Amino acid sequence: MSFARLARMTGPALTLLGVALLPACSMRQVYDAGQAWQQQECSRIADLPERKRCMASLSYDDYQRQAAAAKGVK
């Protein structure tokens, strides 16, 4: 069996496995992964003031408070 054929067969299976495992991640892990991705993307910005603005991020606890306030939850 060729590698290309194996990749075509296992690609959807790996996608389904990833989706099945997604609920196992805590919201904090998802937030942290998103922040890591954002920091990586920000590091590509050449303009220093813009890069610093992009790098500024909220802690998870601050994010939770702001999200709850936006939803009207205390």
C-alpha atoms as a PDB file:
ATOM      1  CA  MET A   1       0.000   0.000   0.000  1.00  0.00           C
ATOM      2  CA  SER A   2       1.398   3.396  -0.962  1.00  0.00           C
ATOM      3  CA  PHE A   3       1.955   6.144   1.572  1.00  0.00           C
ATOM      4  CA  ALA A   4      -0.454   8.454  -0.270  1.00  0.00           C
ATOM      5  CA  ARG A   5      -3.229   5.859  -0.120  1.00  0.00           C
ATOM      6  CA  LEU A   6      -2.554   5.195   3.572  1.00  0.00           C
ATOM      7  CA  ALA A   7      -2.641   8.942   4.262  1.00  0.00           C
ATOM      8  CA  ARG A   8      -5.998   9.269   2.463  1.00  0.00           C
ATOM      9  CA  MET A   9      -7.408   6.419   4.514  1.00  0.00           C
ATOM     10  CA  THR A  10      -6.092   7.518   7.894  1.00  0.00           C
ATOM     11  CA  GLY A  11      -6.655  11.282   7.497  1.00  0.00           C
ATOM     12  CA  PRO A  12     -10.393  11.171   8.257  1.00  0.00           C
ATOM     13  CA  ALA A  13      -9.809   8.661  11.053  1.00  0.00           C
ATOM     14  CA  LEU A  14      -7.275  10.963  12.702  1.00  0.00           C
ATOM     15  CA  THR A  15      -9.642  13.890  12.335  1.00  0.00           C
ATOM     16  CA  LEU A  16     -12.435  11.934  14.008  1.00  0.00           C
ATOM     17  CA  LEU A  17     -10.058  10.860  16.774  1.00  0.00           C
ATOM     18  CA  GLY A  18      -9.075  14.489  17.355  1.00  0.00           C
ATOM     19  CA  VAL A  19     -12.709  15.579  17.523  1.00  0.00           C
ATOM     20  CA  ALA A  20     -13.500  12.719  19.917  1.00  0.00           C
ATOM     21  CA  LEU A  21     -10.657  13.732  22.216  1.00  0.00           C
ATOM     22  CA  LEU A  22     -11.489  17.446  22.144  1.00  0.00           C
ATOM     23  CA  PRO A  23     -13.939  17.302  25.087  1.00  0.00           C
ATOM     24  CA  ALA A  24     -11.098  15.823  27.161  1.00  0.00           C
ATOM     25  CA  CYS A  25      -9.361  19.201  26.999  1.00  0.00           C
ATOM     26  CA  SER A  26     -10.240  21.667  29.688  1.00  0.00           C
ATOM     27  CA  MET A  27     -11.297  25.149  28.682  1.00  0.00           C
ATOM     28  CA  ARG A  28      -8.061  26.373  30.258  1.00  0.00           C
ATOM     29  CA  GLN A  29      -6.018  24.124  27.970  1.00  0.00           C
ATOM     30  CA  VAL A  30      -7.918  25.396  24.956  1.00  0.00           C
ATOM     31  CA  TYR A  31      -7.363  29.003  26.090  1.00  0.00           C
ATOM     32  CA  ASP A  32      -3.643  28.391  26.686  1.00  0.00           C
ATOM     33  CA  ALA A  33      -3.264  26.767  23.261  1.00  0.00           C
ATOM     34  CA  GLY A  34      -4.987  29.746  21.655  1.00  0.00           C
ATOM     35  CA  GLN A  35      -2.729  32.152  23.508  1.00  0.00           C
ATOM     36  CA  ALA A  36       0.378  30.235  22.416  1.00  0.00           C
ATOM     37  CA  TRP A  37      -0.802  30.388  18.810  1.00  0.00           C
ATOM     38  CA  GLN A  38      -1.499  34.121  19.141  1.00  0.00           C
ATOM     39  CA  GLN A  39       1.966  34.788  20.588  1.00  0.00           C
ATOM     40  CA  GLN A  40       3.545  32.881  17.716  1.00  0.00           C
ATOM     41  CA  GLU A  41       1.573  34.893  15.173  1.00  0.00           C
ATOM     42  CA  CYS A  42       2.362  38.177  16.960  1.00  0.00           C
ATOM     43  CA  SER A  43       6.083  37.436  16.847  1.00  0.00           C
ATOM     44  CA  ARG A  44       5.891  37.692  13.045  1.00  0.00           C
ATOM     45  CA  ILE A  45       4.833  41.356  13.119  1.00  0.00           C
ATOM     46  CA  ALA A  46       7.739  43.593  12.103  1.00  0.00           C
ATOM     47  CA  ASP A  47       6.387  46.855  13.587  1.00  0.00           C
ATOM     48  CA  LEU A  48       7.501  46.848  17.255  1.00  0.00           C
ATOM     49  CA  PRO A  49       4.621  48.895  18.759  1.00  0.00           C
ATOM     50  CA  GLU A  50       2.088  46.787  16.864  1.00  0.00           C
ATOM     51  CA  ARG A  51       3.836  43.567  17.947  1.00  0.00           C
ATOM     52  CA  LYS A  52       3.741  44.673  21.611  1.00  0.00           C
ATOM     53  CA  ARG A  53       0.033  45.495  21.318  1.00  0.00           C
ATOM     54  CA  CYS A  54      -0.595  42.104  19.782  1.00  0.00           C
ATOM     55  CA  MET A  55       1.415  40.290  22.480  1.00  0.00           C
ATOM     56  CA  ALA A  56      -0.614  41.823  25.316  1.00  0.00           C
ATOM     57  CA  SER A  57      -2.983  39.155  26.541  1.00  0.00           C
ATOM     58  CA  LEU A  58      -5.277  38.453  29.446  1.00  0.00           C
ATOM     59  CA  SER A  59      -4.648  35.828  32.069  1.00  0.00           C
ATOM     60  CA  TYR A  60      -7.163  32.996  31.964  1.00  0.00           C
ATOM     61  CA  ASP A  61      -8.781  34.230  35.186  1.00  0.00           C
ATOM     62  CA  ASP A  62      -9.180  37.754  33.777  1.00  0.00           C
ATOM     63  CA  TYR A  63     -10.589  36.262  30.577  1.00  0.00           C
ATOM     64  CA  GLN A  64     -13.127  34.257  32.605  1.00  0.00           C
ATOM     65  CA  ARG A  65     -14.192  37.366  34.554  1.00  0.00           C
ATOM     66  CA  GLN A  66     -14.642  39.412  31.389  1.00  0.00           C
ATOM     67  CA  ALA A  67     -16.538  36.601  29.667  1.00  0.00           C
ATOM     68  CA  ALA A  68     -18.839  36.201  32.668  1.00  0.00           C
ATOM     69  CA  ALA A  69     -19.425  39.964  32.834  1.00  0.00           C
ATOM     70  CA  ALA A  70     -20.283  40.039  29.139  1.00  0.00           C
ATOM     71  CA  LYS A  71     -22.835  37.286  29.708  1.00  0.00           C
ATOM     72  CA  GLY A  72     -24.243  39.061  32.761  1.00  0.00           C
ATOM     73  CA  VAL A  73     -23.020  36.395  35.199  1.00  0.00           C
ATOM     74  CA  LYS A  74     -21.306  37.315  38.444  1.00  0.00           C
END
